[in-house]
């Protein structure tokens, strides 16, 4: 099961327990969700900053957005922090905050571009993401959706299939093969976007299950930050996927 959330998986929490040694076991699911809420606030604050740094200019009577000069540096640093955060469990209280700030600023920049073309789309995507999170959490907590081994295997296999598809598309695009129909506002492009959003929601159930299981087996307290970091990865995936889906739907109008 190598294609699950890179942070929230059994191996990660087991390694965290091993690293803790004789330290007290204090991880709780409620504590992890509280930290996730804190990271979400940081992401939104950083996104507001990134949004404000995008300059809007008028070119030929048409408004264009100019990316801040530091965008690629922020992308590189955020990528490095994400890699470090996936393995440095004890540093999770630091790496998760840095990741939230870096990724938030990048999301703010990207969101400004979308909002310039489709006014109001960002607030719609944000509300939709929160609704998806709450709905999935409710379905999971009431055990309407049960995360069995077969269910987890199916979700991971489907996620892996999409990752493989996009990897192949990217490699072929380097050779000049055009797969724009996958991203165009066509029934196929929209259908694929809907499936990606659904996969993101299904992966949330796996995240909830991993957090619950880790708290149950006595993971150390610092793993709460690590669990929150992993959950934020899924939330960001859902937000970006919803934003793209809404853009395709608006483009068809």
Protein backbone atom coordinates (compact mmCIF):
# COMPACT_ATOMS: atom_id res chain seq x y z
CA UNK A 1 0.00 0.00 0.00
CA UNK A 2 2.61 2.50 -1.09
CA UNK A 3 0.24 5.01 -2.61
CA UNK A 4 -1.58 6.18 0.52
CA UNK A 5 -1.15 9.62 2.05
CA UNK A 6 2.65 10.05 2.38
CA UNK A 7 2.22 11.21 5.97
CA UNK A 8 -0.79 9.28 7.25
CA UNK A 9 0.05 5.62 6.97
CA UNK A 10 0.80 2.79 9.36
CA UNK A 11 4.55 2.77 8.73
CA UNK A 12 4.88 6.47 9.54
CA UNK A 13 3.09 6.23 12.87
CA UNK A 14 4.92 3.04 13.78
CA UNK A 15 8.25 4.76 13.16
CA UNK A 16 7.07 7.70 15.23
CA UNK A 17 6.31 5.35 18.13
CA UNK A 18 9.73 3.74 17.79
CA UNK A 19 11.44 7.14 17.78
CA UNK A 20 9.53 8.21 20.89
CA UNK A 21 11.12 5.43 22.93
CA UNK A 22 10.05 5.78 26.54
CA UNK A 23 8.34 9.15 26.02
CA UNK A 24 4.75 9.45 27.25
CA UNK A 25 2.08 8.46 24.73
CA UNK A 26 -0.26 11.41 24.43
CA UNK A 27 -1.65 11.52 20.89
CA UNK A 28 -5.41 11.91 20.62
CA UNK A 29 -7.68 12.23 17.59
CA UNK A 30 -9.29 15.38 19.01
CA UNK A 31 -5.88 16.96 19.57
CA UNK A 32 -4.90 16.18 15.98
CA UNK A 33 -8.06 17.76 14.61
CA UNK A 34 -7.53 20.85 16.78
CA UNK A 35 -4.03 21.28 15.36
CA UNK A 36 -5.43 20.74 11.86
CA UNK A 37 -7.78 23.65 12.52
CA UNK A 38 -4.80 25.80 13.54
CA UNK A 39 -2.89 24.86 10.39
CA UNK A 40 -5.96 25.62 8.31
CA UNK A 41 -6.10 29.13 9.78
CA UNK A 42 -2.41 29.59 8.94
CA UNK A 43 -3.00 28.41 5.38
CA UNK A 44 -5.86 30.88 4.94
CA UNK A 45 -3.80 33.74 6.42
CA UNK A 46 -0.84 32.94 4.17
CA UNK A 47 -3.19 32.62 1.19
CA UNK A 48 -4.52 36.10 1.90
CA UNK A 49 -0.94 37.37 1.85
CA UNK A 50 -0.12 35.57 -1.41
CA UNK A 51 -3.32 36.91 -2.93
CA UNK A 52 -2.37 40.48 -1.99
CA UNK A 53 1.05 40.11 -3.62
CA UNK A 54 -0.37 39.40 -7.09
CA UNK A 55 -0.32 42.59 -9.15
CA UNK A 56 -3.19 43.19 -11.54
CA UNK A 57 -2.30 45.22 -14.64
CA UNK A 58 -4.27 46.20 -17.71
CA UNK A 59 -2.82 45.07 -21.03
CA UNK A 60 -4.69 45.98 -24.19
CA UNK A 61 -7.84 46.70 -22.24
CA UNK A 62 -7.68 43.34 -20.50
CA UNK A 63 -6.68 42.66 -16.90
CA UNK A 64 -3.70 40.37 -16.36
CA UNK A 65 -2.17 38.99 -13.14
CA UNK A 66 1.58 39.25 -12.49
CA UNK A 67 3.15 36.55 -10.34
CA UNK A 68 5.31 37.82 -7.44
CA UNK A 69 9.06 37.50 -8.03
CA UNK A 70 9.46 35.18 -5.05
CA UNK A 71 6.92 32.59 -6.24
CA UNK A 72 9.40 30.00 -7.48
CA UNK A 73 11.53 30.37 -4.37
CA UNK A 74 8.45 29.83 -2.22
CA UNK A 75 7.56 26.77 -4.30
CA UNK A 76 11.05 25.29 -3.89
CA UNK A 77 11.19 25.93 -0.15
CA UNK A 78 7.69 24.55 0.37
CA UNK A 79 8.59 21.43 -1.60
CA UNK A 80 11.71 20.90 0.52
CA UNK A 81 9.77 21.44 3.76
CA UNK A 82 7.14 18.92 2.60
CA UNK A 83 9.83 16.32 1.92
CA UNK A 84 11.52 16.92 5.27
CA UNK A 85 8.17 16.95 7.05
CA UNK A 86 7.25 13.55 5.64
CA UNK A 87 10.19 11.94 7.48
CA UNK A 88 11.18 14.26 10.35
CA UNK A 89 8.49 13.28 12.83
CA UNK A 90 9.85 15.15 15.83
CA UNK A 91 10.17 18.32 13.78
CA UNK A 92 6.49 18.14 12.78
CA UNK A 93 5.47 21.13 14.98
CA UNK A 94 7.90 23.25 12.94
CA UNK A 95 7.65 21.71 9.46
CA UNK A 96 3.85 21.59 9.50
CA UNK A 97 3.65 25.31 10.31
CA UNK A 98 6.25 26.20 7.67
CA UNK A 99 4.44 24.06 5.12
CA UNK A 100 1.09 25.70 5.93
CA UNK A 101 2.60 29.15 5.45
CA UNK A 102 4.45 28.27 2.24
CA UNK A 103 1.66 26.28 0.62
CA UNK A 104 -0.90 28.83 1.73
CA UNK A 105 0.96 31.66 -0.01
CA UNK A 106 1.16 29.63 -3.22
CA UNK A 107 -2.52 28.76 -3.05
CA UNK A 108 -3.30 32.45 -2.60
CA UNK A 109 -1.37 33.33 -5.75
CA UNK A 110 -3.02 30.58 -7.80
CA UNK A 111 -6.44 31.45 -6.41
CA UNK A 112 -6.01 35.09 -7.45
CA UNK A 113 -5.49 33.96 -11.05
CA UNK A 114 -8.66 31.87 -10.95
CA UNK A 115 -10.68 34.65 -9.33
CA UNK A 116 -9.54 37.14 -11.94
CA UNK A 117 -11.10 35.00 -14.64
CA UNK A 118 -14.05 33.63 -12.66
CA UNK A 119 -15.14 36.08 -10.01
CA UNK A 120 -16.27 34.47 -6.76
CA UNK A 121 -14.91 31.01 -7.64
CA UNK A 122 -12.42 30.95 -4.77
CA UNK A 123 -15.02 31.44 -2.03
CA UNK A 124 -17.16 28.77 -3.68
CA UNK A 125 -14.24 26.32 -3.72
CA UNK A 126 -13.39 27.09 -0.10
CA UNK A 127 -16.95 26.54 1.10
CA UNK A 128 -17.23 23.35 -0.97
CA UNK A 129 -13.98 22.03 0.53
CA UNK A 130 -15.17 22.65 4.08
CA UNK A 131 -18.52 21.02 3.32
CA UNK A 132 -16.80 17.96 1.86
CA UNK A 133 -14.56 17.68 4.92
CA UNK A 134 -17.45 17.95 7.38
CA UNK A 135 -19.66 15.57 5.37
CA UNK A 136 -16.94 12.93 5.10
CA UNK A 137 -16.06 13.27 8.79
CA UNK A 138 -19.72 12.87 9.74
CA UNK A 139 -20.11 9.82 7.53
CA UNK A 140 -16.95 8.31 9.00
CA UNK A 141 -17.69 9.13 12.66
CA UNK A 142 -21.21 7.64 12.35
CA UNK A 143 -19.63 4.60 10.68
CA UNK A 144 -21.85 5.02 7.66
CA UNK A 145 -18.61 4.71 5.72
CA UNK A 146 -16.45 1.94 7.13
CA UNK A 147 -12.76 1.81 6.27
CA UNK A 148 -12.14 -1.89 5.74
CA UNK A 149 -8.98 -3.33 4.23
CA UNK A 150 -10.84 -3.96 0.96
CA UNK A 151 -12.17 -0.39 0.92
CA UNK A 152 -8.70 1.04 1.60
CA UNK A 153 -7.14 -1.12 -1.10
CA UNK A 154 -9.73 0.05 -3.62
CA UNK A 155 -9.21 3.73 -2.82
CA UNK A 156 -5.43 3.41 -2.95
CA UNK A 157 -5.57 1.47 -6.23
CA UNK A 158 -7.85 4.10 -7.81
CA UNK A 159 -5.61 6.92 -6.57
CA UNK A 160 -2.58 5.13 -7.96
CA UNK A 161 -4.32 4.69 -11.29
CA UNK A 162 -4.95 8.42 -11.60
CA UNK A 163 -1.41 9.25 -10.55
CA UNK A 164 -0.09 6.85 -13.19
CA UNK A 165 -2.39 8.37 -15.81
CA UNK A 166 -1.19 11.90 -15.16
CA UNK A 167 2.43 10.79 -15.04
CA UNK A 168 2.09 9.13 -18.45
CA UNK A 169 0.29 12.20 -19.83
CA UNK A 170 3.06 14.46 -18.52
CA UNK A 171 5.83 12.30 -20.01
CA UNK A 172 4.11 12.09 -23.38
CA UNK A 173 3.50 15.84 -23.38
CA UNK A 174 7.28 16.28 -23.25
CA UNK A 175 7.36 14.42 -26.58
CA UNK A 176 4.77 16.73 -28.10
CA UNK A 177 1.69 14.54 -27.60
CA UNK A 178 -1.36 16.70 -26.86
CA UNK A 179 -3.74 15.58 -24.12
CA UNK A 180 -5.51 18.90 -23.70
CA UNK A 181 -8.89 17.14 -23.90
CA UNK A 182 -8.25 15.86 -20.37
CA UNK A 183 -8.13 19.44 -19.06
CA UNK A 184 -10.65 21.09 -21.39
CA UNK A 185 -14.19 22.01 -20.27
CA UNK A 186 -15.61 18.97 -22.03
CA UNK A 187 -17.82 16.23 -20.53
CA UNK A 188 -14.72 14.01 -20.30
CA UNK A 189 -12.58 16.69 -18.65
CA UNK A 190 -15.34 17.55 -16.19
CA UNK A 191 -16.00 13.88 -15.47
CA UNK A 192 -12.34 13.28 -14.66
CA UNK A 193 -12.31 16.32 -12.37
CA UNK A 194 -15.38 15.01 -10.52
CA UNK A 195 -13.68 11.64 -10.01
CA UNK A 196 -10.57 13.35 -8.64
CA UNK A 197 -12.68 15.27 -6.10
CA UNK A 198 -14.42 12.04 -5.08
CA UNK A 199 -11.05 10.31 -4.68
CA UNK A 200 -9.86 13.14 -2.47
CA UNK A 201 -12.94 12.74 -0.28
CA UNK A 202 -12.45 8.96 -0.06
CA UNK A 203 -8.81 9.48 0.92
CA UNK A 204 -10.03 11.64 3.81
CA UNK A 205 -11.71 8.57 5.29
CA UNK A 206 -8.37 6.75 5.20
CA UNK A 207 -6.76 9.71 6.95
CA UNK A 208 -9.40 9.68 9.70
CA UNK A 209 -8.91 5.95 10.17
CA UNK A 210 -5.11 6.24 10.42
CA UNK A 211 -5.36 9.07 12.97
CA UNK A 212 -7.86 7.11 15.05
CA UNK A 213 -5.76 3.95 14.93
CA UNK A 214 -2.55 5.81 15.77
CA UNK A 215 -4.17 7.42 18.81
CA UNK A 216 -5.50 4.02 19.82
CA UNK A 217 -2.12 2.28 19.74
CA UNK A 218 -0.43 4.99 21.79
CA UNK A 219 1.43 7.26 19.38
CA UNK A 220 3.53 10.02 21.00
CA UNK A 221 2.09 13.51 21.38
CA UNK A 222 4.32 15.06 18.69
CA UNK A 223 2.63 12.79 16.16
CA UNK A 224 -0.48 14.94 16.50
CA UNK A 225 1.32 17.61 14.48
CA UNK A 226 2.43 15.00 11.98
CA UNK A 227 -1.14 13.70 11.64
CA UNK A 228 -2.44 17.25 11.16
CA UNK A 229 0.21 17.82 8.48
CA UNK A 230 -0.98 14.74 6.59
CA UNK A 231 -4.61 15.75 6.88
CA UNK A 232 -3.79 19.20 5.49
CA UNK A 233 -2.25 17.52 2.43
CA UNK A 234 -5.59 15.90 1.67
CA UNK A 235 -7.55 19.10 2.31
CA UNK A 236 -5.32 21.06 -0.05
CA UNK A 237 -5.71 18.34 -2.68
CA UNK A 238 -9.50 18.61 -2.39
CA UNK A 239 -9.47 22.42 -2.55
CA UNK A 240 -7.31 22.49 -5.69
CA UNK A 241 -9.42 19.76 -7.31
CA UNK A 242 -12.69 21.56 -6.50
CA UNK A 243 -11.28 24.86 -7.77
CA UNK A 244 -10.31 23.25 -11.05
CA UNK A 245 -13.70 21.54 -11.38
CA UNK A 246 -15.57 24.79 -10.78
CA UNK A 247 -13.36 26.54 -13.35
CA UNK A 248 -14.23 23.92 -15.97
CA UNK A 249 -17.94 24.24 -15.19
CA UNK A 250 -17.80 28.04 -15.38
CA UNK A 251 -15.85 27.87 -18.65
CA UNK A 252 -18.69 25.90 -20.27
CA UNK A 253 -21.25 28.59 -19.46
